[in-house]
PDB file of N, CA and C in Angstrom:
ATOM      1  N   UNK A   1      30.633  76.351 155.079  1.00  0.00           N
ATOM      2  CA  UNK A   1      31.296  77.332 155.907  1.00  0.00           C
ATOM      3  C   UNK A   1      30.289  77.952 156.865  1.00  0.00           C
ATOM      4  N   UNK A   2      30.744  78.247 158.033  1.00  0.00           N
ATOM      5  CA  UNK A   2      29.886  78.884 159.011  1.00  0.00           C
ATOM      6  C   UNK A   2      30.045  80.389 158.921  1.00  0.00           C
ATOM      7  N   UNK A   3      29.032  81.072 159.360  1.00  0.00           N
ATOM      8  CA  UNK A   3      29.041  82.524 159.349  1.00  0.00           C
ATOM      9  C   UNK A   3      28.236  83.002 160.545  1.00  0.00           C
ATOM     10  N   UNK A   4      28.359  84.287 160.828  1.00  0.00           N
ATOM     11  CA  UNK A   4      27.588  84.850 161.932  1.00  0.00           C
ATOM     12  C   UNK A   4      26.117  84.844 161.547  1.00  0.00           C
ATOM     13  N   UNK A   5      25.222  84.773 162.525  1.00  0.00           N
ATOM     14  CA  UNK A   5      23.796  84.773 162.219  1.00  0.00           C
ATOM     15  C   UNK A   5      23.365  86.071 161.540  1.00  0.00           C
ATOM     16  N   UNK A   6      22.393  85.957 160.664  1.00  0.00           N
ATOM     17  CA  UNK A   6      21.933  87.123 159.914  1.00  0.00           C
ATOM     18  C   UNK A   6      21.324  88.175 160.830  1.00  0.00           C
ATOM     19  N   UNK A   7      20.631  87.750 161.870  1.00  0.00           N
ATOM     20  CA  UNK A   7      20.034  88.710 162.803  1.00  0.00           C
ATOM     21  C   UNK A   7      21.108  89.537 163.492  1.00  0.00           C
ATOM     22  N   UNK A   8      22.185  88.909 163.879  1.00  0.00           N
ATOM     23  CA  UNK A   8      23.263  89.615 164.563  1.00  0.00           C
ATOM     24  C   UNK A   8      23.926  90.631 163.633  1.00  0.00           C
ATOM     25  N   UNK A   9      24.151  90.229 162.391  1.00  0.00           N
ATOM     26  CA  UNK A   9      24.786  91.128 161.419  1.00  0.00           C
ATOM     27  C   UNK A   9      23.899  92.326 161.160  1.00  0.00           C
ATOM     28  N   UNK A  10      22.620  92.091 160.946  1.00  0.00           N
ATOM     29  CA  UNK A  10      21.717  93.188 160.625  1.00  0.00           C
ATOM     30  C   UNK A  10      21.474  94.105 161.812  1.00  0.00           C
ATOM     31  N   UNK A  11      21.412  93.548 163.010  1.00  0.00           N
ATOM     32  CA  UNK A  11      21.081  94.349 164.181  1.00  0.00           C
ATOM     33  C   UNK A  11      22.274  95.093 164.751  1.00  0.00           C
ATOM     34  N   UNK A  12      23.441  94.496 164.713  1.00  0.00           N
ATOM     35  CA  UNK A  12      24.569  95.055 165.457  1.00  0.00           C
ATOM     36  C   UNK A  12      25.695  95.530 164.546  1.00  0.00           C
ATOM     37  N   UNK A  13      26.162  94.691 163.674  1.00  0.00           N
ATOM     38  CA  UNK A  13      27.390  94.960 162.932  1.00  0.00           C
ATOM     39  C   UNK A  13      27.194  94.838 161.427  1.00  0.00           C
ATOM     40  N   UNK A  14      26.249  95.531 160.886  1.00  0.00           N
ATOM     41  CA  UNK A  14      25.991  95.432 159.446  1.00  0.00           C
ATOM     42  C   UNK A  14      27.013  96.283 158.691  1.00  0.00           C
ATOM     43  N   UNK A  15      28.205  95.733 158.551  1.00  0.00           N
ATOM     44  CA  UNK A  15      29.257  96.434 157.838  1.00  0.00           C
ATOM     45  C   UNK A  15      29.634  95.691 156.574  1.00  0.00           C
ATOM     46  N   UNK A  16      30.445  96.324 155.774  1.00  0.00           N
ATOM     47  CA  UNK A  16      30.875  95.708 154.521  1.00  0.00           C
ATOM     48  C   UNK A  16      31.663  94.430 154.753  1.00  0.00           C
ATOM     49  N   UNK A  17      32.490  94.444 155.801  1.00  0.00           N
ATOM     50  CA  UNK A  17      33.322  93.275 156.078  1.00  0.00           C
ATOM     51  C   UNK A  17      32.467  92.046 156.357  1.00  0.00           C
ATOM     52  N   UNK A  18      31.458  92.163 157.235  1.00  0.00           N
ATOM     53  CA  UNK A  18      30.627  91.012 157.576  1.00  0.00           C
ATOM     54  C   UNK A  18      29.768  90.586 156.407  1.00  0.00           C
ATOM     55  N   UNK A  19      29.309  91.539 155.616  1.00  0.00           N
ATOM     56  CA  UNK A  19      28.504  91.174 154.450  1.00  0.00           C
ATOM     57  C   UNK A  19      29.361  90.449 153.413  1.00  0.00           C
ATOM     58  N   UNK A  20      30.622  90.853 153.284  1.00  0.00           N
ATOM     59  CA  UNK A  20      31.537  90.157 152.384  1.00  0.00           C
ATOM     60  C   UNK A  20      31.775  88.723 152.860  1.00  0.00           C
ATOM     61  N   UNK A  21      31.975  88.546 154.163  1.00  0.00           N
ATOM     62  CA  UNK A  21      32.169  87.192 154.696  1.00  0.00           C
ATOM     63  C   UNK A  21      30.930  86.331 154.495  1.00  0.00           C
ATOM     64  N   UNK A  22      29.758  86.915 154.630  1.00  0.00           N
ATOM     65  CA  UNK A  22      28.534  86.150 154.389  1.00  0.00           C
ATOM     66  C   UNK A  22      28.427  85.733 152.931  1.00  0.00           C
ATOM     67  N   UNK A  23      28.940  86.547 152.012  1.00  0.00           N
ATOM     68  CA  UNK A  23      28.848  86.214 150.593  1.00  0.00           C
ATOM     69  C   UNK A  23      29.761  85.041 150.222  1.00  0.00           C
ATOM     70  N   UNK A  24      30.754  84.744 151.053  1.00  0.00           N
ATOM     71  CA  UNK A  24      31.673  83.641 150.788  1.00  0.00           C
ATOM     72  C   UNK A  24      31.168  82.298 151.296  1.00  0.00           C
ATOM     73  N   UNK A  25      30.023  82.274 151.919  1.00  0.00           N
ATOM     74  CA  UNK A  25      29.484  81.008 152.426  1.00  0.00           C
ATOM     75  C   UNK A  25      29.215  80.062 151.278  1.00  0.00           C
ATOM     76  N   UNK A  26      29.539  78.814 151.470  1.00  0.00           N
ATOM     77  CA  UNK A  26      29.417  77.838 150.388  1.00  0.00           C
ATOM     78  C   UNK A  26      27.969  77.576 149.996  1.00  0.00           C
ATOM     79  N   UNK A  27      27.054  77.679 150.928  1.00  0.00           N
ATOM     80  CA  UNK A  27      25.661  77.422 150.564  1.00  0.00           C
ATOM     81  C   UNK A  27      25.025  78.621 149.866  1.00  0.00           C
ATOM     82  N   UNK A  28      25.623  79.814 149.986  1.00  0.00           N
ATOM     83  CA  UNK A  28      25.110  80.978 149.274  1.00  0.00           C
ATOM     84  C   UNK A  28      25.745  81.133 147.900  1.00  0.00           C
ATOM     85  N   UNK A  29      26.942  80.601 147.730  1.00  0.00           N
ATOM     86  CA  UNK A  29      27.656  80.771 146.471  1.00  0.00           C
ATOM     87  C   UNK A  29      28.330  79.444 146.095  1.00  0.00           C
ATOM     88  N   UNK A  30      27.573  78.473 145.615  1.00  0.00           N
ATOM     89  CA  UNK A  30      28.161  77.155 145.322  1.00  0.00           C
ATOM     90  C   UNK A  30      29.186  77.190 144.192  1.00  0.00           C
ATOM     91  N   UNK A  31      29.039  78.097 143.245  1.00  0.00           N
ATOM     92  CA  UNK A  31      30.017  78.139 142.155  1.00  0.00           C
ATOM     93  C   UNK A  31      31.381  78.579 142.671  1.00  0.00           C
ATOM     94  N   UNK A  32      31.415  79.481 143.638  1.00  0.00           N
ATOM     95  CA  UNK A  32      32.689  79.907 144.226  1.00  0.00           C
ATOM     96  C   UNK A  32      33.339  78.764 144.986  1.00  0.00           C
ATOM     97  N   UNK A  33      32.568  78.006 145.741  1.00  0.00           N
ATOM     98  CA  UNK A  33      33.159  76.904 146.507  1.00  0.00           C
ATOM     99  C   UNK A  33      33.687  75.814 145.579  1.00  0.00           C
ATOM    100  N   UNK A  34      32.995  75.543 144.484  1.00  0.00           N
ATOM    101  CA  UNK A  34      33.490  74.538 143.541  1.00  0.00           C
ATOM    102  C   UNK A  34      34.741  75.024 142.817  1.00  0.00           C
ATOM    103  N   UNK A  35      34.778  76.305 142.475  1.00  0.00           N
ATOM    104  CA  UNK A  35      35.961  76.861 141.810  1.00  0.00           C
ATOM    105  C   UNK A  35      37.169  76.754 142.741  1.00  0.00           C
ATOM    106  N   UNK A  36      36.997  77.092 144.003  1.00  0.00           N
ATOM    107  CA  UNK A  36      38.097  77.002 144.963  1.00  0.00           C
ATOM    108  C   UNK A  36      38.551  75.555 145.117  1.00  0.00           C
ATOM    109  N   UNK A  37      37.610  74.626 145.185  1.00  0.00           N
ATOM    110  CA  UNK A  37      37.970  73.216 145.322  1.00  0.00           C
ATOM    111  C   UNK A  37      38.760  72.747 144.098  1.00  0.00           C
ATOM    112  N   UNK A  38      38.274  73.049 142.899  1.00  0.00           N
ATOM    113  CA  UNK A  38      38.936  72.569 141.685  1.00  0.00           C
ATOM    114  C   UNK A  38      40.299  73.211 141.472  1.00  0.00           C
ATOM    115  N   UNK A  39      40.537  74.410 141.950  1.00  0.00           N
ATOM    116  CA  UNK A  39      41.841  75.043 141.754  1.00  0.00           C
ATOM    117  C   UNK A  39      42.817  74.743 142.880  1.00  0.00           C
ATOM    118  N   UNK A  40      42.342  74.631 144.104  1.00  0.00           N
ATOM    119  CA  UNK A  40      43.252  74.493 145.232  1.00  0.00           C
ATOM    120  C   UNK A  40      43.554  73.046 145.603  1.00  0.00           C
ATOM    121  N   UNK A  41      42.699  72.117 145.262  1.00  0.00           N
ATOM    122  CA  UNK A  41      42.982  70.715 145.568  1.00  0.00           C
ATOM    123  C   UNK A  41      44.223  70.213 144.833  1.00  0.00           C
ATOM    124  N   UNK A  42      44.410  70.504 143.523  1.00  0.00           N
ATOM    125  CA  UNK A  42      45.660  70.090 142.879  1.00  0.00           C
ATOM    126  C   UNK A  42      46.890  70.765 143.490  1.00  0.00           C
ATOM    127  N   UNK A  43      46.757  72.007 143.908  1.00  0.00           N
ATOM    128  CA  UNK A  43      47.879  72.689 144.560  1.00  0.00           C
ATOM    129  C   UNK A  43      48.224  71.990 145.868  1.00  0.00           C
ATOM    130  N   UNK A  44      47.210  71.613 146.620  1.00  0.00           N
ATOM    131  CA  UNK A  44      47.441  70.894 147.874  1.00  0.00           C
ATOM    132  C   UNK A  44      48.121  69.553 147.622  1.00  0.00           C
ATOM    133  N   UNK A  45      47.710  68.845 146.575  1.00  0.00           N
ATOM    134  CA  UNK A  45      48.351  67.579 146.239  1.00  0.00           C
ATOM    135  C   UNK A  45      49.808  67.765 145.834  1.00  0.00           C
ATOM    136  N   UNK A  46      50.101  68.797 145.068  1.00  0.00           N
ATOM    137  CA  UNK A  46      51.482  69.068 144.659  1.00  0.00           C
ATOM    138  C   UNK A  46      52.356  69.360 145.869  1.00  0.00           C
ATOM    139  N   UNK A  47      51.854  70.161 146.789  1.00  0.00           N
ATOM    140  CA  UNK A  47      52.616  70.468 148.005  1.00  0.00           C
ATOM    141  C   UNK A  47      52.836  69.202 148.825  1.00  0.00           C
ATOM    142  N   UNK A  48      51.816  68.381 148.972  1.00  0.00           N
ATOM    143  CA  UNK A  48      51.950  67.142 149.726  1.00  0.00           C
ATOM    144  C   UNK A  48      52.973  66.201 149.089  1.00  0.00           C
ATOM    145  N   UNK A  49      52.919  66.045 147.777  1.00  0.00           N
ATOM    146  CA  UNK A  49      53.868  65.161 147.090  1.00  0.00           C
ATOM    147  C   UNK A  49      55.278  65.696 147.218  1.00  0.00           C
ATOM    148  N   UNK A  50      55.448  67.013 147.100  1.00  0.00           N
ATOM    149  CA  UNK A  50      56.781  67.624 147.240  1.00  0.00           C
ATOM    150  C   UNK A  50      57.337  67.380 148.642  1.00  0.00           C
ATOM    151  N   UNK A  51      56.501  67.555 149.653  1.00  0.00           N
ATOM    152  CA  UNK A  51      56.950  67.308 151.023  1.00  0.00           C
ATOM    153  C   UNK A  51      57.239  65.830 151.261  1.00  0.00           C
ATOM    154  N   UNK A  52      56.465  64.976 150.651  1.00  0.00           N
ATOM    155  CA  UNK A  52      56.705  63.547 150.789  1.00  0.00           C
ATOM    156  C   UNK A  52      58.055  63.157 150.202  1.00  0.00           C
ATOM    157  N   UNK A  53      58.351  63.638 148.998  1.00  0.00           N
ATOM    158  CA  UNK A  53      59.651  63.336 148.385  1.00  0.00           C
ATOM    159  C   UNK A  53      60.804  63.967 149.162  1.00  0.00           C
ATOM    160  N   UNK A  54      60.609  65.166 149.690  1.00  0.00           N
ATOM    161  CA  UNK A  54      61.659  65.801 150.481  1.00  0.00           C
ATOM    162  C   UNK A  54      61.922  65.013 151.765  1.00  0.00           C
ATOM    163  N   UNK A  55      60.871  64.505 152.363  1.00  0.00           N
ATOM    164  CA  UNK A  55      61.038  63.717 153.583  1.00  0.00           C
ATOM    165  C   UNK A  55      61.685  62.377 153.317  1.00  0.00           C
ATOM    166  N   UNK A  56      61.328  61.751 152.204  1.00  0.00           N
ATOM    167  CA  UNK A  56      61.909  60.442 151.895  1.00  0.00           C
ATOM    168  C   UNK A  56      63.361  60.554 151.476  1.00  0.00           C
ATOM    169  N   UNK A  57      63.728  61.634 150.818  1.00  0.00           N
ATOM    170  CA  UNK A  57      65.112  61.780 150.378  1.00  0.00           C
ATOM    171  C   UNK A  57      66.013  62.323 151.487  1.00  0.00           C
ATOM    172  N   UNK A  58      65.430  62.878 152.526  1.00  0.00           N
ATOM    173  CA  UNK A  58      66.227  63.402 153.628  1.00  0.00           C
ATOM    174  C   UNK A  58      66.859  64.742 153.331  1.00  0.00           C
ATOM    175  N   UNK A  59      66.413  65.410 152.293  1.00  0.00           N
ATOM    176  CA  UNK A  59      66.971  66.707 151.931  1.00  0.00           C
ATOM    177  C   UNK A  59      65.990  67.804 152.285  1.00  0.00           C
ATOM    178  N   UNK A  60      66.550  68.920 152.703  1.00  0.00           N
ATOM    179  CA  UNK A  60      65.746  70.113 152.932  1.00  0.00           C
ATOM    180  C   UNK A  60      66.394  71.262 152.182  1.00  0.00           C
ATOM    181  N   UNK A  61      65.717  72.359 152.117  1.00  0.00           N
ATOM    182  CA  UNK A  61      66.229  73.505 151.371  1.00  0.00           C
ATOM    183  C   UNK A  61      67.392  74.210 152.050  1.00  0.00           C
ATOM    184  N   UNK A  62      67.558  74.041 153.350  1.00  0.00           N
ATOM    185  CA  UNK A  62      68.588  74.770 154.090  1.00  0.00           C
ATOM    186  C   UNK A  62      69.601  73.827 154.710  1.00  0.00           C
ATOM    187  N   UNK A  63      70.211  73.007 153.905  1.00  0.00           N
ATOM    188  CA  UNK A  63      71.231  72.121 154.458  1.00  0.00           C
ATOM    189  C   UNK A  63      72.542  72.888 154.595  1.00  0.00           C
ATOM    190  N   UNK A  64      73.156  72.720 155.742  1.00  0.00           N
ATOM    191  CA  UNK A  64      74.448  73.341 155.994  1.00  0.00           C
ATOM    192  C   UNK A  64      75.530  72.282 155.804  1.00  0.00           C
ATOM    193  N   UNK A  65      76.697  72.765 155.500  1.00  0.00           N
ATOM    194  CA  UNK A  65      77.803  71.818 155.332  1.00  0.00           C
ATOM    195  C   UNK A  65      78.132  71.190 156.678  1.00  0.00           C
ATOM    196  N   UNK A  66      78.503  69.948 156.618  1.00  0.00           N
ATOM    197  CA  UNK A  66      78.883  69.254 157.840  1.00  0.00           C
ATOM    198  C   UNK A  66      80.379  69.406 158.040  1.00  0.00           C
ATOM    199  N   UNK A  67      80.735  69.835 159.244  1.00  0.00           N
ATOM    200  CA  UNK A  67      82.152  70.011 159.559  1.00  0.00           C
ATOM    201  C   UNK A  67      82.578  68.892 160.496  1.00  0.00           C
ATOM    202  N   UNK A  68      83.718  68.346 160.185  1.00  0.00           N
ATOM    203  CA  UNK A  68      84.262  67.318 161.049  1.00  0.00           C
ATOM    204  C   UNK A  68      85.205  67.949 162.040  1.00  0.00           C
ATOM    205  N   UNK A  69      85.067  67.559 163.268  1.00  0.00           N
ATOM    206  CA  UNK A  69      85.926  68.080 164.325  1.00  0.00           C
ATOM    207  C   UNK A  69      87.039  67.089 164.534  1.00  0.00           C
ATOM    208  N   UNK A  70      88.269  67.555 164.307  1.00  0.00           N
ATOM    209  CA  UNK A  70      89.429  66.679 164.538  1.00  0.00           C
ATOM    210  C   UNK A  70      90.090  67.122 165.828  1.00  0.00           C
ATOM    211  N   UNK A  71      90.368  66.163 166.636  1.00  0.00           N
ATOM    212  CA  UNK A  71      90.951  66.603 167.887  1.00  0.00           C
ATOM    213  C   UNK A  71      91.596  65.569 168.622  1.00  0.00           C
TER     214      UNK A  71
END
């Protein structure tokens, strides 16, 4: 993950928000990045498989009844 340069943070905007974002960098906290990968990758696969089956079956969650027009 990219982050703002340390010189810029310290010189100009050394706030809690920027320091928190710096703490989320993958090279500073490898255990956090691995935890996110191991928990979110299966979720991403489940969503992808669900969308794949929904697309193949042609069904969506908001199907409206089809009305025939007689005339």
